[in-house]
């Protein structure tokens, strides 16, 4: 394959409101942080560990206006785009870099309120699911009606 690909797909929660910047020609840019979290159980401590990664999202023009209107801090969103690294010099003349996700497509998944109610419901169900898993992991007895 001789081509290259720069594509990012993220599902996460907004870390802040969409910040808009308007330009003289009528164009605009919206920026917001997006948090993605990976959760796993540590093999050494047997404790649940969460790692959160923050992404700087950039949306342009009409898409930015839609995001500003409908998204708020905590909302869950799907973002598709590409990685872009910018370089600039700060006031001390030191080179600085910023990596952003240039958003090409997005889908609103849930509001903060909807996400909180789904999490609460899953936490209530989780203990019973774990009990069922323990039963499933027990050795099979002769009374099982399994077809295999």
C-alpha atoms as a PDB file:
ATOM      1  CA  UNK A   1       0.000   0.000   0.000  1.00  0.00           C
ATOM      2  CA  UNK A   2       1.616   3.234  -1.098  1.00  0.00           C
ATOM      3  CA  UNK A   3      -0.851   5.736   0.411  1.00  0.00           C
ATOM      4  CA  UNK A   4      -1.045   7.141   3.907  1.00  0.00           C
ATOM      5  CA  UNK A   5      -3.923   7.669   6.293  1.00  0.00           C
ATOM      6  CA  UNK A   6      -4.521  10.279   8.980  1.00  0.00           C
ATOM      7  CA  UNK A   7      -7.854   9.390  10.589  1.00  0.00           C
ATOM      8  CA  UNK A   8      -9.035   9.619  14.188  1.00  0.00           C
ATOM      9  CA  UNK A   9     -12.275   8.307  15.703  1.00  0.00           C
ATOM     10  CA  UNK A  10     -13.067   9.222  19.306  1.00  0.00           C
ATOM     11  CA  UNK A  11     -15.988   8.785  21.674  1.00  0.00           C
ATOM     12  CA  UNK A  12     -15.715  10.876  24.785  1.00  0.00           C
ATOM     13  CA  UNK A  13     -17.133  13.556  27.046  1.00  0.00           C
ATOM     14  CA  UNK A  14     -16.708  17.302  26.661  1.00  0.00           C
ATOM     15  CA  UNK A  15     -14.434  18.739  29.323  1.00  0.00           C
ATOM     16  CA  UNK A  16     -15.685  22.311  28.862  1.00  0.00           C
ATOM     17  CA  UNK A  17     -18.075  24.434  26.819  1.00  0.00           C
ATOM     18  CA  UNK A  18     -17.335  25.060  23.125  1.00  0.00           C
ATOM     19  CA  UNK A  19     -15.205  28.208  22.777  1.00  0.00           C
ATOM     20  CA  UNK A  20     -15.929  30.121  19.569  1.00  0.00           C
ATOM     21  CA  UNK A  21     -13.608  32.402  17.579  1.00  0.00           C
ATOM     22  CA  UNK A  22     -15.136  34.472  14.756  1.00  0.00           C
ATOM     23  CA  UNK A  23     -13.228  35.929  11.790  1.00  0.00           C
ATOM     24  CA  UNK A  24     -13.843  38.989   9.618  1.00  0.00           C
ATOM     25  CA  UNK A  25     -14.811  36.979   6.518  1.00  0.00           C
ATOM     26  CA  UNK A  26     -17.682  35.312   8.383  1.00  0.00           C
ATOM     27  CA  UNK A  27     -15.898  32.061   9.195  1.00  0.00           C
ATOM     28  CA  UNK A  28     -15.524  30.689  12.693  1.00  0.00           C
ATOM     29  CA  UNK A  29     -13.737  28.014  14.697  1.00  0.00           C
ATOM     30  CA  UNK A  30     -14.995  26.173  17.751  1.00  0.00           C
ATOM     31  CA  UNK A  31     -12.622  24.518  20.207  1.00  0.00           C
ATOM     32  CA  UNK A  32     -13.289  22.183  23.110  1.00  0.00           C
ATOM     33  CA  UNK A  33     -11.466  19.514  25.125  1.00  0.00           C
ATOM     34  CA  UNK A  34     -12.667  15.913  24.850  1.00  0.00           C
ATOM     35  CA  UNK A  35     -11.895  13.265  27.476  1.00  0.00           C
ATOM     36  CA  UNK A  36     -11.595   9.588  26.613  1.00  0.00           C
ATOM     37  CA  UNK A  37     -11.177   7.139  29.482  1.00  0.00           C
ATOM     38  CA  UNK A  38      -9.729   3.638  29.486  1.00  0.00           C
ATOM     39  CA  UNK A  39     -10.660   1.460  32.458  1.00  0.00           C
ATOM     40  CA  UNK A  40      -9.139  -1.898  33.357  1.00  0.00           C
ATOM     41  CA  UNK A  41      -8.400  -4.096  36.371  1.00  0.00           C
ATOM     42  CA  UNK A  42      -4.739  -4.145  37.427  1.00  0.00           C
ATOM     43  CA  UNK A  43      -3.300  -7.665  37.598  1.00  0.00           C
ATOM     44  CA  UNK A  44      -0.924  -6.712  40.435  1.00  0.00           C
ATOM     45  CA  UNK A  45      -3.375  -4.963  42.781  1.00  0.00           C
ATOM     46  CA  UNK A  46      -6.676  -6.345  41.426  1.00  0.00           C
ATOM     47  CA  UNK A  47      -8.060  -2.786  41.568  1.00  0.00           C
ATOM     48  CA  UNK A  48      -9.890  -0.884  38.855  1.00  0.00           C
ATOM     49  CA  UNK A  49      -7.604   1.657  37.139  1.00  0.00           C
ATOM     50  CA  UNK A  50      -8.812   4.527  34.925  1.00  0.00           C
ATOM     51  CA  UNK A  51      -6.625   6.486  32.516  1.00  0.00           C
ATOM     52  CA  UNK A  52      -8.060   9.639  30.973  1.00  0.00           C
ATOM     53  CA  UNK A  53      -6.619  11.135  27.813  1.00  0.00           C
ATOM     54  CA  UNK A  54      -7.497  14.712  26.798  1.00  0.00           C
ATOM     55  CA  UNK A  55      -7.876  15.715  23.146  1.00  0.00           C
ATOM     56  CA  UNK A  56      -8.116  19.258  21.744  1.00  0.00           C
ATOM     57  CA  UNK A  57     -10.973  19.272  19.220  1.00  0.00           C
ATOM     58  CA  UNK A  58     -11.269  21.937  16.492  1.00  0.00           C
ATOM     59  CA  UNK A  59     -14.517  22.341  14.518  1.00  0.00           C
ATOM     60  CA  UNK A  60     -14.994  24.864  11.697  1.00  0.00           C
ATOM     61  CA  UNK A  61     -17.762  27.117  10.390  1.00  0.00           C
ATOM     62  CA  UNK A  62     -21.347  25.754  10.401  1.00  0.00           C
ATOM     63  CA  UNK A  63     -20.312  22.600  12.294  1.00  0.00           C
ATOM     64  CA  UNK A  64     -18.765  24.793  14.998  1.00  0.00           C
ATOM     65  CA  UNK A  65     -21.979  26.792  15.341  1.00  0.00           C
ATOM     66  CA  UNK A  66     -23.999  23.572  15.686  1.00  0.00           C
ATOM     67  CA  UNK A  67     -21.614  22.265  18.357  1.00  0.00           C
ATOM     68  CA  UNK A  68     -21.807  25.545  20.259  1.00  0.00           C
ATOM     69  CA  UNK A  69     -25.601  25.460  20.173  1.00  0.00           C
ATOM     70  CA  UNK A  70     -26.172  21.843  21.211  1.00  0.00           C
ATOM     71  CA  UNK A  71     -23.104  20.640  23.144  1.00  0.00           C
ATOM     72  CA  UNK A  72     -22.252  21.422  26.740  1.00  0.00           C
ATOM     73  CA  UNK A  73     -19.730  20.234  29.307  1.00  0.00           C
ATOM     74  CA  UNK A  74     -20.139  16.525  30.101  1.00  0.00           C
ATOM     75  CA  UNK A  75     -22.028  15.596  26.915  1.00  0.00           C
ATOM     76  CA  UNK A  76     -20.936  12.428  25.109  1.00  0.00           C
ATOM     77  CA  UNK A  77     -20.008  12.822  21.452  1.00  0.00           C
ATOM     78  CA  UNK A  78     -18.464  10.846  18.593  1.00  0.00           C
ATOM     79  CA  UNK A  79     -15.756  12.760  16.727  1.00  0.00           C
ATOM     80  CA  UNK A  80     -14.134  11.796  13.449  1.00  0.00           C
ATOM     81  CA  UNK A  81     -11.286  13.752  11.931  1.00  0.00           C
ATOM     82  CA  UNK A  82      -7.530  13.960  11.531  1.00  0.00           C
ATOM     83  CA  UNK A  83      -4.535  14.814  13.718  1.00  0.00           C
ATOM     84  CA  UNK A  84      -2.888  18.192  13.141  1.00  0.00           C
ATOM     85  CA  UNK A  85       0.162  19.503  15.017  1.00  0.00           C
ATOM     86  CA  UNK A  86       0.738  23.252  15.166  1.00  0.00           C
ATOM     87  CA  UNK A  87       4.009  24.977  16.047  1.00  0.00           C
ATOM     88  CA  UNK A  88       4.448  28.505  17.396  1.00  0.00           C
ATOM     89  CA  UNK A  89       6.807  30.556  19.521  1.00  0.00           C
ATOM     90  CA  UNK A  90       5.787  31.827  22.935  1.00  0.00           C
ATOM     91  CA  UNK A  91       6.632  35.308  24.240  1.00  0.00           C
ATOM     92  CA  UNK A  92      10.065  34.025  25.392  1.00  0.00           C
ATOM     93  CA  UNK A  93      10.917  32.740  21.901  1.00  0.00           C
ATOM     94  CA  UNK A  94      10.575  29.066  22.859  1.00  0.00           C
ATOM     95  CA  UNK A  95       9.040  26.740  20.261  1.00  0.00           C
ATOM     96  CA  UNK A  96       5.727  25.281  21.426  1.00  0.00           C
ATOM     97  CA  UNK A  97       3.615  22.543  19.888  1.00  0.00           C
ATOM     98  CA  UNK A  98      -0.064  21.734  20.079  1.00  0.00           C
ATOM     99  CA  UNK A  99      -1.710  18.579  18.761  1.00  0.00           C
ATOM    100  CA  UNK A 100      -5.344  18.934  17.759  1.00  0.00           C
ATOM    101  CA  UNK A 101      -8.060  16.827  16.203  1.00  0.00           C
ATOM    102  CA  UNK A 102      -9.466  18.621  13.142  1.00  0.00           C
ATOM    103  CA  UNK A 103     -13.089  17.430  13.253  1.00  0.00           C
ATOM    104  CA  UNK A 104     -14.650  16.430   9.926  1.00  0.00           C
ATOM    105  CA  UNK A 105     -17.744  14.651  11.262  1.00  0.00           C
ATOM    106  CA  UNK A 106     -19.487  14.300  14.617  1.00  0.00           C
ATOM    107  CA  UNK A 107     -22.515  12.680  16.198  1.00  0.00           C
ATOM    108  CA  UNK A 108     -24.134  13.728  19.464  1.00  0.00           C
ATOM    109  CA  UNK A 109     -24.516  10.585  21.590  1.00  0.00           C
ATOM    110  CA  UNK A 110     -25.988  11.709  24.898  1.00  0.00           C
ATOM    111  CA  UNK A 111     -26.273  14.644  27.225  1.00  0.00           C
ATOM    112  CA  UNK A 112     -24.536  14.770  30.593  1.00  0.00           C
ATOM    113  CA  UNK A 113     -27.850  14.041  32.323  1.00  0.00           C
ATOM    114  CA  UNK A 114     -28.522  10.970  30.131  1.00  0.00           C
ATOM    115  CA  UNK A 115     -24.970   9.664  30.703  1.00  0.00           C
ATOM    116  CA  UNK A 116     -25.319   9.995  34.479  1.00  0.00           C
ATOM    117  CA  UNK A 117     -28.609   8.073  34.546  1.00  0.00           C
ATOM    118  CA  UNK A 118     -27.178   5.262  32.357  1.00  0.00           C
ATOM    119  CA  UNK A 119     -24.096   4.971  34.610  1.00  0.00           C
ATOM    120  CA  UNK A 120     -26.264   4.807  37.729  1.00  0.00           C
ATOM    121  CA  UNK A 121     -28.419   2.077  36.177  1.00  0.00           C
ATOM    122  CA  UNK A 122     -25.369   0.032  35.121  1.00  0.00           C
ATOM    123  CA  UNK A 123     -23.887   0.254  38.628  1.00  0.00           C
ATOM    124  CA  UNK A 124     -27.123  -1.111  40.093  1.00  0.00           C
ATOM    125  CA  UNK A 125     -27.135  -4.033  37.633  1.00  0.00           C
ATOM    126  CA  UNK A 126     -23.403  -4.791  37.884  1.00  0.00           C
ATOM    127  CA  UNK A 127     -23.409  -6.706  41.231  1.00  0.00           C
ATOM    128  CA  UNK A 128     -26.076  -9.138  39.966  1.00  0.00           C
ATOM    129  CA  UNK A 129     -24.150  -9.638  36.719  1.00  0.00           C
ATOM    130  CA  UNK A 130     -20.995 -10.491  38.660  1.00  0.00           C
ATOM    131  CA  UNK A 131     -22.912 -13.058  40.714  1.00  0.00           C
ATOM    132  CA  UNK A 132     -24.215 -14.652  37.517  1.00  0.00           C
ATOM    133  CA  UNK A 133     -20.700 -14.780  36.084  1.00  0.00           C
ATOM    134  CA  UNK A 134     -19.481 -16.633  39.170  1.00  0.00           C
ATOM    135  CA  UNK A 135     -22.200 -19.222  38.655  1.00  0.00           C
ATOM    136  CA  UNK A 136     -21.287 -19.595  34.979  1.00  0.00           C
ATOM    137  CA  UNK A 137     -17.627 -20.128  35.861  1.00  0.00           C
ATOM    138  CA  UNK A 138     -18.412 -23.062  38.176  1.00  0.00           C
ATOM    139  CA  UNK A 139     -17.797 -26.569  36.801  1.00  0.00           C
ATOM    140  CA  UNK A 140     -20.709 -27.973  34.829  1.00  0.00           C
ATOM    141  CA  UNK A 141     -22.839 -30.597  36.539  1.00  0.00           C
ATOM    142  CA  UNK A 142     -24.566 -33.594  34.983  1.00  0.00           C
ATOM    143  CA  UNK A 143     -27.935 -31.821  35.219  1.00  0.00           C
ATOM    144  CA  UNK A 144     -27.037 -29.184  32.613  1.00  0.00           C
ATOM    145  CA  UNK A 145     -29.195 -29.268  29.484  1.00  0.00           C
ATOM    146  CA  UNK A 146     -26.472 -27.987  27.180  1.00  0.00           C
ATOM    147  CA  UNK A 147     -26.663 -29.310  23.596  1.00  0.00           C
ATOM    148  CA  UNK A 148     -22.894 -29.777  23.355  1.00  0.00           C
END
